[in-house]
Amino acid sequence: MYVVDGTVVTSASDLKKASECEFAFLRELDVKLGRDTLFEPVADAMLERAGRMGDAHELRVLEAYREHLGDGVVEIERPDLRDPDAVAAAVAQTRDAFAAGAPVVFQATFVDDGFIGFADFIVRQPDGRYLVQDSKLARRARVTALLQLAAYAEQLERLGVPCADTVELLLGDGTTSVHRLDDIEPVYRLRRARLAQIVDDRRAADGPVEWGDPRYTLDGRCPTCDLEVQAHRDVLLVASLRVTQRVALFDAGITTIDALAASDGPVPGILDATLENLRIQARLQLEAEATAASGTPPSPASARSSWMPRSAHDEASSPRRRAGQSNGETTSRTPRPSSPPRMRLIAWFRSAPARDRGRRRRTSRDEPDGRRWARGRRRAG
């Protein structure tokens, strides 16, 4: 994505980004438009390594085509987007390659009104039509990757180049994922129209997109969202809390991890048991924050009160009960509340023998005498 002469030019990759997280895409657009935003380019070593591996995978596919077709592979050099003449030259080379019936066009360059794209591989089929291929390091097809293929197929049709009925993803495990354009195009058109809409909205706005704007979807875990989550102490700070649950909490007026920990009562759209576990998790995380800030370990009582149900905790700490204990009176002992379901499950998993953690086929290697074990099972049945 880049801005030239007041026009926002997006690519097929931007379509993928906006489909994954509209907020992150619009925050990047705000930066391009020169608006003051909370945005920091994140240097992720894992993403950089994945990018290098993806480039290596693409190069392997290109080398295979070169070995098979030789000069039949037309390679278009990717131009500098800041150089309009270089972009126009790449577009002209792409058109000439298709007009000449090139067997394979690598990095075909397309420019349309507000759109620019670079297709990995476009391969001529025996019937004269062209098949759009994209190399992906992933081992399974994703909808966002298919949207990119549909974008390139649309550009072929715009140029009058016959396009095949299917598109292909060349996956990282060596397999090829084939998909019909008729299945992808409806979703692509919706996403392309949505992209144009949100870009026009932000261009007409006076300031940057605000965190929590209900008009735009968000991923909630991407680096751009994470900055806002930390800054606003959003409920997404709570481990295992999903974006759909965040929507329900926001509708109920619970927007921060602190508010969630202090809340009580039901929330429409979230099961009571799930909500209680989220509150327990929020309290535990707040206690961990307080402990880290003070530098002192929490007492057992405070740690237990973070997950103890309010009714049992209030009864155990009531003045009447404390007074009765101090005067030596005989009182009925309040049973200790059971741990929350998640904690009980974790405790059981850590303590249970491996054979009880899941079903698996048992063989003679598990017992000194497999036949004796089988006879024992028959007698027990």
Protein backbone atom coordinates (compact mmCIF):
# COMPACT_ATOMS: atom_id res chain seq x y z
CA MET A 1 0.00 0.00 0.00
CA TYR A 2 1.21 3.48 -0.84
CA VAL A 3 -0.18 6.95 -1.50
CA VAL A 4 0.51 8.80 -4.75
CA ASP A 5 -1.06 12.14 -5.68
CA GLY A 6 -3.66 11.71 -2.95
CA THR A 7 -4.71 8.26 -4.23
CA VAL A 8 -4.36 5.22 -1.97
CA VAL A 9 -3.04 2.30 -4.02
CA THR A 10 -3.61 -1.12 -2.46
CA SER A 11 -2.36 -4.56 -3.44
CA ALA A 12 -3.55 -8.12 -3.18
CA SER A 13 -1.44 -8.43 -0.03
CA ASP A 14 -3.34 -5.48 1.48
CA LEU A 15 -6.58 -7.29 0.73
CA LYS A 16 -5.22 -10.20 2.76
CA LYS A 17 -4.15 -7.89 5.62
CA ALA A 18 -7.50 -6.15 5.79
CA SER A 19 -9.31 -9.49 5.79
CA GLU A 20 -7.27 -10.60 8.80
CA CYS A 21 -7.42 -7.34 10.80
CA GLU A 22 -9.08 -4.20 9.52
CA PHE A 23 -7.81 -2.15 12.46
CA ALA A 24 -4.16 -3.00 11.77
CA PHE A 25 -4.57 -2.25 8.07
CA LEU A 26 -6.20 1.13 8.80
CA ARG A 27 -3.57 2.01 11.38
CA GLU A 28 -0.93 1.42 8.70
CA LEU A 29 -2.96 3.59 6.33
CA ASP A 30 -3.01 6.37 8.93
CA VAL A 31 0.78 6.24 9.01
CA LYS A 32 0.89 6.52 5.21
CA LEU A 33 -1.44 9.54 5.42
CA GLY A 34 0.88 11.20 7.94
CA ARG A 35 -1.42 10.99 10.94
CA ASP A 36 -0.11 10.76 14.50
CA THR A 37 -0.86 7.25 15.70
CA LEU A 38 0.28 4.64 18.19
CA PHE A 39 2.15 2.55 15.66
CA GLU A 40 5.56 0.94 15.85
CA PRO A 41 7.10 -1.27 13.17
CA VAL A 42 7.71 -4.58 14.90
CA ALA A 43 10.89 -6.50 14.10
CA ASP A 44 9.79 -10.11 14.49
CA ALA A 45 12.65 -12.55 13.98
CA MET A 46 10.24 -15.43 13.44
CA LEU A 47 8.30 -13.56 10.75
CA GLU A 48 11.53 -12.53 9.08
CA ARG A 49 12.70 -16.13 9.02
CA ALA A 50 9.33 -17.27 7.67
CA GLY A 51 9.66 -14.63 4.94
CA ARG A 52 13.09 -15.91 3.95
CA MET A 53 11.80 -19.47 3.87
CA GLY A 54 8.86 -18.35 1.74
CA ASP A 55 11.22 -16.67 -0.72
CA ALA A 56 13.32 -19.84 -0.85
CA HIS A 57 10.19 -21.91 -1.57
CA GLU A 58 9.21 -19.54 -4.37
CA LEU A 59 12.73 -19.77 -5.82
CA ARG A 60 12.57 -23.57 -5.82
CA VAL A 61 9.36 -23.45 -7.84
CA LEU A 62 10.92 -20.95 -10.24
CA GLU A 63 14.01 -23.12 -10.69
CA ALA A 64 11.80 -26.10 -11.52
CA TYR A 65 10.05 -24.09 -14.23
CA ARG A 66 13.37 -22.84 -15.56
CA GLU A 67 14.73 -26.38 -15.75
CA HIS A 68 11.64 -27.62 -17.56
CA LEU A 69 10.92 -24.70 -19.89
CA GLY A 70 14.17 -22.73 -20.11
CA ASP A 71 13.58 -19.44 -21.93
CA GLY A 72 9.86 -20.12 -21.88
CA VAL A 73 9.76 -18.55 -18.41
CA VAL A 74 9.32 -14.79 -18.73
CA GLU A 75 10.52 -13.05 -15.58
CA ILE A 76 9.27 -9.55 -14.89
CA GLU A 77 11.54 -7.52 -12.64
CA ARG A 78 9.60 -6.01 -9.79
CA PRO A 79 9.70 -2.21 -10.19
CA ASP A 80 10.27 0.53 -7.66
CA LEU A 81 6.81 1.69 -6.68
CA ARG A 82 8.05 5.24 -6.34
CA ASP A 83 9.08 5.26 -10.00
CA PRO A 84 5.99 5.55 -12.24
CA ASP A 85 8.03 4.90 -15.39
CA ALA A 86 9.43 1.64 -13.98
CA VAL A 87 5.93 0.50 -12.99
CA ALA A 88 4.58 1.31 -16.47
CA ALA A 89 7.46 -0.61 -18.07
CA ALA A 90 6.73 -3.70 -15.95
CA VAL A 91 3.05 -3.56 -16.91
CA ALA A 92 4.00 -3.31 -20.60
CA GLN A 93 6.34 -6.31 -20.33
CA THR A 94 3.54 -8.30 -18.70
CA ARG A 95 1.11 -7.53 -21.51
CA ASP A 96 3.70 -8.38 -24.16
CA ALA A 97 4.39 -11.74 -22.47
CA PHE A 98 0.74 -12.72 -22.56
CA ALA A 99 0.33 -11.48 -26.13
CA ALA A 100 3.28 -13.66 -27.18
CA GLY A 101 1.77 -16.71 -25.47
CA ALA A 102 4.56 -17.16 -22.91
CA PRO A 103 4.40 -20.58 -21.20
CA VAL A 104 5.07 -19.08 -17.74
CA VAL A 105 5.06 -15.46 -16.55
CA PHE A 106 6.80 -14.87 -13.24
CA GLN A 107 5.94 -11.76 -11.20
CA ALA A 108 3.36 -10.50 -13.70
CA THR A 109 2.63 -6.87 -12.83
CA PHE A 110 -0.92 -5.49 -12.84
CA VAL A 111 -2.01 -1.91 -12.29
CA ASP A 112 -5.63 -0.86 -12.12
CA ASP A 113 -7.50 2.05 -10.59
CA GLY A 114 -6.14 2.10 -7.04
CA PHE A 115 -4.68 -1.41 -7.32
CA ILE A 116 -1.26 -2.91 -7.95
CA GLY A 117 -0.33 -6.58 -7.83
CA PHE A 118 2.50 -9.00 -8.56
CA ALA A 119 1.48 -12.59 -9.32
CA ASP A 120 3.95 -15.36 -8.52
CA PHE A 121 3.28 -17.65 -11.46
CA ILE A 122 0.79 -17.55 -14.33
CA VAL A 123 1.06 -20.69 -16.44
CA ARG A 124 -0.33 -21.28 -19.93
CA GLN A 125 -2.52 -24.40 -20.21
CA PRO A 126 -2.86 -26.74 -23.23
CA ASP A 127 -6.18 -25.09 -24.15
CA GLY A 128 -4.53 -21.65 -24.29
CA ARG A 129 -5.97 -20.34 -21.03
CA TYR A 130 -3.75 -19.16 -18.18
CA LEU A 131 -3.69 -20.66 -14.70
CA VAL A 132 -2.86 -18.44 -11.71
CA GLN A 133 -0.51 -20.02 -9.16
CA ASP A 134 0.85 -18.67 -5.90
CA SER A 135 3.57 -20.26 -3.77
CA LYS A 136 2.82 -20.40 -0.05
CA LEU A 137 5.00 -21.85 2.67
CA ALA A 138 1.91 -22.97 4.59
CA ARG A 139 0.79 -26.58 4.45
CA ARG A 140 -2.89 -25.84 3.96
CA ALA A 141 -4.90 -23.34 1.98
CA ARG A 142 -6.25 -20.24 3.67
CA VAL A 143 -9.09 -18.04 2.51
CA THR A 144 -6.92 -14.93 2.58
CA ALA A 145 -4.41 -16.55 0.21
CA LEU A 146 -7.21 -17.53 -2.16
CA LEU A 147 -8.38 -13.91 -2.24
CA GLN A 148 -5.02 -12.94 -3.72
CA LEU A 149 -5.41 -15.52 -6.48
CA ALA A 150 -8.88 -14.21 -7.30
CA ALA A 151 -7.47 -10.68 -7.53
CA TYR A 152 -4.91 -11.76 -10.16
CA ALA A 153 -7.53 -13.73 -12.09
CA GLU A 154 -9.68 -10.60 -12.21
CA GLN A 155 -6.76 -8.65 -13.68
CA LEU A 156 -6.29 -11.27 -16.40
CA GLU A 157 -9.92 -10.91 -17.38
CA ARG A 158 -9.57 -7.13 -17.44
CA LEU A 159 -6.68 -7.45 -19.90
CA GLY A 160 -8.63 -9.86 -22.06
CA VAL A 161 -6.37 -12.79 -21.23
CA PRO A 162 -8.32 -16.09 -21.06
CA CYS A 163 -8.24 -17.46 -17.52
CA ALA A 164 -8.64 -21.05 -16.33
CA ASP A 165 -11.59 -22.08 -14.20
CA THR A 166 -9.33 -22.94 -11.28
CA VAL A 167 -6.44 -21.44 -9.34
CA GLU A 168 -3.67 -23.23 -7.44
CA LEU A 169 -1.68 -22.79 -4.26
CA LEU A 170 1.78 -24.40 -4.32
CA LEU A 171 2.14 -25.31 -0.66
CA GLY A 172 5.27 -25.69 1.40
CA ASP A 173 4.98 -29.45 1.76
CA GLY A 174 5.13 -29.93 -2.02
CA THR A 175 1.40 -30.44 -2.54
CA THR A 176 -0.87 -28.37 -4.77
CA SER A 177 -4.21 -27.06 -3.53
CA VAL A 178 -6.69 -26.55 -6.39
CA HIS A 179 -9.75 -24.30 -6.05
CA ARG A 180 -12.53 -23.22 -8.40
CA LEU A 181 -12.77 -19.53 -9.15
CA ASP A 182 -16.56 -19.73 -9.01
CA ASP A 183 -16.25 -20.57 -5.31
CA ILE A 184 -13.79 -17.79 -4.51
CA GLU A 185 -14.99 -14.85 -6.59
CA PRO A 186 -18.15 -14.03 -4.55
CA VAL A 187 -16.10 -13.75 -1.35
CA TYR A 188 -13.39 -11.82 -3.19
CA ARG A 189 -15.87 -9.24 -4.51
CA LEU A 190 -17.28 -8.69 -1.04
CA ARG A 191 -13.83 -8.26 0.49
CA ARG A 192 -12.67 -5.97 -2.33
CA ALA A 193 -15.74 -3.76 -1.90
CA ARG A 194 -15.20 -3.73 1.87
CA LEU A 195 -11.55 -2.71 1.40
CA ALA A 196 -12.54 0.19 -0.85
CA GLN A 197 -15.19 1.27 1.67
CA ILE A 198 -12.91 1.41 4.70
CA VAL A 199 -10.18 3.17 2.72
CA ASP A 200 -12.65 5.85 1.62
CA ASP A 201 -13.91 6.19 5.21
CA ARG A 202 -10.43 6.78 6.57
CA ARG A 203 -9.48 9.23 3.84
CA ALA A 204 -12.56 11.30 4.69
CA ALA A 205 -11.83 11.18 8.44
CA ASP A 206 -9.96 13.93 10.24
CA GLY A 207 -7.89 11.75 12.54
CA PRO A 208 -6.55 8.24 12.96
CA VAL A 209 -8.76 5.24 13.56
CA GLU A 210 -9.63 4.80 17.23
CA TRP A 211 -9.19 1.61 19.18
CA GLY A 212 -12.51 -0.09 19.74
CA ASP A 213 -14.28 1.56 16.80
CA PRO A 214 -17.14 -0.90 16.23
CA ARG A 215 -17.17 -0.22 12.49
CA TYR A 216 -13.97 -2.17 11.96
CA THR A 217 -13.00 -5.73 12.79
CA LEU A 218 -9.83 -6.62 14.63
CA ASP A 219 -7.64 -9.63 15.17
CA GLY A 220 -6.82 -8.70 18.75
CA ARG A 221 -3.48 -10.57 18.86
CA CYS A 222 -1.47 -9.00 16.03
CA PRO A 223 1.41 -6.63 16.95
CA THR A 224 -0.65 -3.52 16.08
CA CYS A 225 -3.56 -4.65 18.23
CA ASP A 226 -1.23 -5.65 21.05
CA LEU A 227 0.02 -2.07 21.41
CA GLU A 228 -3.53 -0.84 21.91
CA VAL A 229 -4.48 -3.74 24.19
CA GLN A 230 -1.58 -2.87 26.49
CA ALA A 231 -2.25 0.86 26.37
CA HIS A 232 -5.97 0.53 27.15
CA ARG A 233 -5.69 -2.48 29.49
CA ASP A 234 -8.22 -4.14 27.27
CA VAL A 235 -9.97 -7.32 28.37
CA LEU A 236 -7.95 -9.11 25.68
CA LEU A 237 -5.10 -9.02 28.20
CA VAL A 238 -6.87 -11.92 29.89
CA ALA A 239 -5.37 -15.19 28.70
CA SER A 240 -7.66 -17.36 26.54
CA LEU A 241 -10.26 -14.60 26.11
CA ARG A 242 -11.58 -14.57 22.54
CA VAL A 243 -12.56 -11.59 20.41
CA THR A 244 -16.18 -12.75 20.31
CA GLN A 245 -16.22 -12.78 24.12
CA ARG A 246 -14.70 -9.31 24.10
CA VAL A 247 -17.67 -8.06 22.07
CA ALA A 248 -20.11 -9.44 24.63
CA LEU A 249 -18.15 -7.92 27.51
CA PHE A 250 -17.97 -4.52 25.80
CA ASP A 251 -21.73 -4.61 25.23
CA ALA A 252 -22.07 -5.16 28.99
CA GLY A 253 -19.80 -2.19 29.74
CA ILE A 254 -16.77 -4.31 30.78
CA THR A 255 -13.84 -2.99 28.76
CA THR A 256 -10.72 -3.57 30.89
CA ILE A 257 -9.10 -6.46 32.69
CA ASP A 258 -9.58 -4.57 35.97
CA ALA A 259 -13.31 -4.17 35.35
CA LEU A 260 -13.63 -7.85 34.47
CA ALA A 261 -11.88 -8.94 37.68
CA ALA A 262 -14.17 -6.75 39.80
CA SER A 263 -17.38 -7.64 37.97
CA ASP A 264 -20.09 -10.07 38.98
CA GLY A 265 -23.37 -11.28 37.58
CA PRO A 266 -24.15 -12.75 34.17
CA VAL A 267 -23.09 -11.35 30.79
CA PRO A 268 -25.35 -12.09 27.82
CA GLY A 269 -23.58 -14.21 25.25
CA ILE A 270 -21.11 -15.88 27.64
CA LEU A 271 -21.82 -19.03 29.65
CA ASP A 272 -21.73 -18.51 33.41
CA ALA A 273 -19.01 -21.12 33.94
CA THR A 274 -16.86 -19.61 31.19
CA LEU A 275 -17.37 -16.12 32.56
CA GLU A 276 -16.35 -17.20 36.06
CA ASN A 277 -13.17 -18.77 34.72
CA LEU A 278 -12.35 -15.57 32.84
CA ARG A 279 -12.86 -13.54 36.02
CA ILE A 280 -10.62 -15.91 37.96
CA GLN A 281 -7.95 -15.61 35.27
CA ALA A 282 -8.19 -11.81 35.34
CA ARG A 283 -7.77 -11.75 39.14
CA LEU A 284 -4.78 -14.06 39.00
CA GLN A 285 -3.11 -11.89 36.39
CA LEU A 286 -3.76 -8.73 38.41
CA GLU A 287 -2.27 -10.39 41.49
CA ALA A 288 0.77 -11.36 39.44
CA GLU A 289 1.13 -7.74 38.32
CA ALA A 290 0.88 -6.50 41.89
CA THR A 291 3.40 -9.07 43.06
CA ALA A 292 5.85 -8.12 40.35
CA ALA A 293 5.46 -4.44 41.24
CA SER A 294 5.93 -4.96 44.97
CA GLY A 295 8.61 -7.62 44.75
CA THR A 296 7.00 -9.70 47.53
CA PRO A 297 5.42 -13.13 47.03
CA PRO A 298 1.65 -13.36 47.62
CA SER A 299 0.37 -14.98 50.80
CA PRO A 300 -1.48 -18.30 50.51
CA ALA A 301 -4.68 -16.64 51.71
CA SER A 302 -4.61 -13.97 49.02
CA ALA A 303 -3.79 -16.51 46.36
CA ARG A 304 -6.73 -18.68 47.46
CA SER A 305 -9.14 -15.74 47.60
CA SER A 306 -8.46 -14.88 43.96
CA TRP A 307 -10.27 -17.99 42.76
CA MET A 308 -12.50 -18.75 45.75
CA PRO A 309 -16.18 -18.09 44.98
CA ARG A 310 -17.37 -14.88 46.57
CA SER A 311 -20.04 -16.51 48.76
CA ALA A 312 -17.62 -19.02 50.30
CA HIS A 313 -14.91 -16.38 50.71
CA ASP A 314 -17.27 -13.92 52.41
CA GLU A 315 -18.59 -16.60 54.79
CA ALA A 316 -15.10 -17.80 55.68
CA SER A 317 -13.95 -14.26 56.47
CA SER A 318 -17.11 -13.00 58.17
CA PRO A 319 -16.72 -11.24 61.59
CA ARG A 320 -19.09 -13.73 63.29
CA ARG A 321 -17.00 -16.71 62.21
CA ARG A 322 -13.74 -15.05 63.19
CA ALA A 323 -15.18 -14.10 66.59
CA GLY A 324 -16.43 -17.63 67.22
CA GLN A 325 -13.05 -19.08 66.50
CA SER A 326 -11.26 -16.60 68.73
CA ASN A 327 -13.59 -17.33 71.73
CA GLY A 328 -13.13 -21.07 71.42
CA GLU A 329 -16.75 -21.67 70.46
CA THR A 330 -17.67 -24.73 68.48
CA THR A 331 -18.79 -23.75 65.03
CA SER A 332 -19.57 -25.73 61.96
CA ARG A 333 -16.57 -25.74 59.71
CA THR A 334 -17.17 -24.28 56.27
CA PRO A 335 -16.02 -26.79 53.68
CA ARG A 336 -13.23 -25.59 51.48
CA PRO A 337 -14.60 -24.79 48.03
CA SER A 338 -13.43 -26.93 45.21
CA SER A 339 -11.00 -25.58 42.66
CA PRO A 340 -12.36 -24.16 39.42
CA PRO A 341 -12.87 -26.73 36.65
CA ARG A 342 -9.80 -25.64 34.70
CA MET A 343 -7.55 -25.88 37.78
CA ARG A 344 -8.97 -29.29 38.67
CA LEU A 345 -8.29 -30.50 35.15
CA ILE A 346 -4.69 -29.24 35.20
CA ALA A 347 -4.08 -30.77 38.63
CA TRP A 348 -5.51 -34.11 37.50
CA PHE A 349 -3.48 -34.13 34.31
CA ARG A 350 -0.25 -33.53 36.19
CA SER A 351 -0.94 -36.23 38.78
CA ALA A 352 -2.68 -38.91 36.70
CA PRO A 353 -0.70 -41.78 35.21
CA ALA A 354 0.04 -41.47 31.54
CA ARG A 355 -2.27 -44.40 30.72
CA ASP A 356 -5.28 -42.47 32.09
CA ARG A 357 -4.70 -39.20 30.19
CA GLY A 358 -6.06 -40.40 26.90
CA ARG A 359 -7.13 -43.48 25.06
CA ARG A 360 -4.57 -45.23 22.94
CA ARG A 361 -4.07 -48.63 21.47
CA ARG A 362 -2.22 -50.91 23.81
CA THR A 363 0.28 -53.40 22.41
CA SER A 364 2.52 -56.14 23.73
CA ARG A 365 5.27 -53.55 24.12
CA ASP A 366 3.24 -51.98 26.93
CA GLU A 367 3.11 -55.23 28.92
CA PRO A 368 5.68 -57.96 29.50
CA ASP A 369 3.08 -60.47 28.37
CA GLY A 370 0.52 -59.10 25.93
CA ARG A 371 -1.54 -62.30 25.95
CA ARG A 372 -1.78 -62.32 29.71
CA TRP A 373 -3.02 -58.73 29.64
CA ALA A 374 -5.65 -59.69 27.06
CA ARG A 375 -6.83 -62.63 29.19
CA GLY A 376 -7.08 -60.33 32.17
CA ARG A 377 -9.29 -57.97 30.20
CA ARG A 378 -11.58 -60.84 29.19
CA ARG A 379 -11.90 -62.07 32.77
CA ALA A 380 -12.63 -58.56 33.97
CA GLY A 381 -15.35 -58.18 31.30
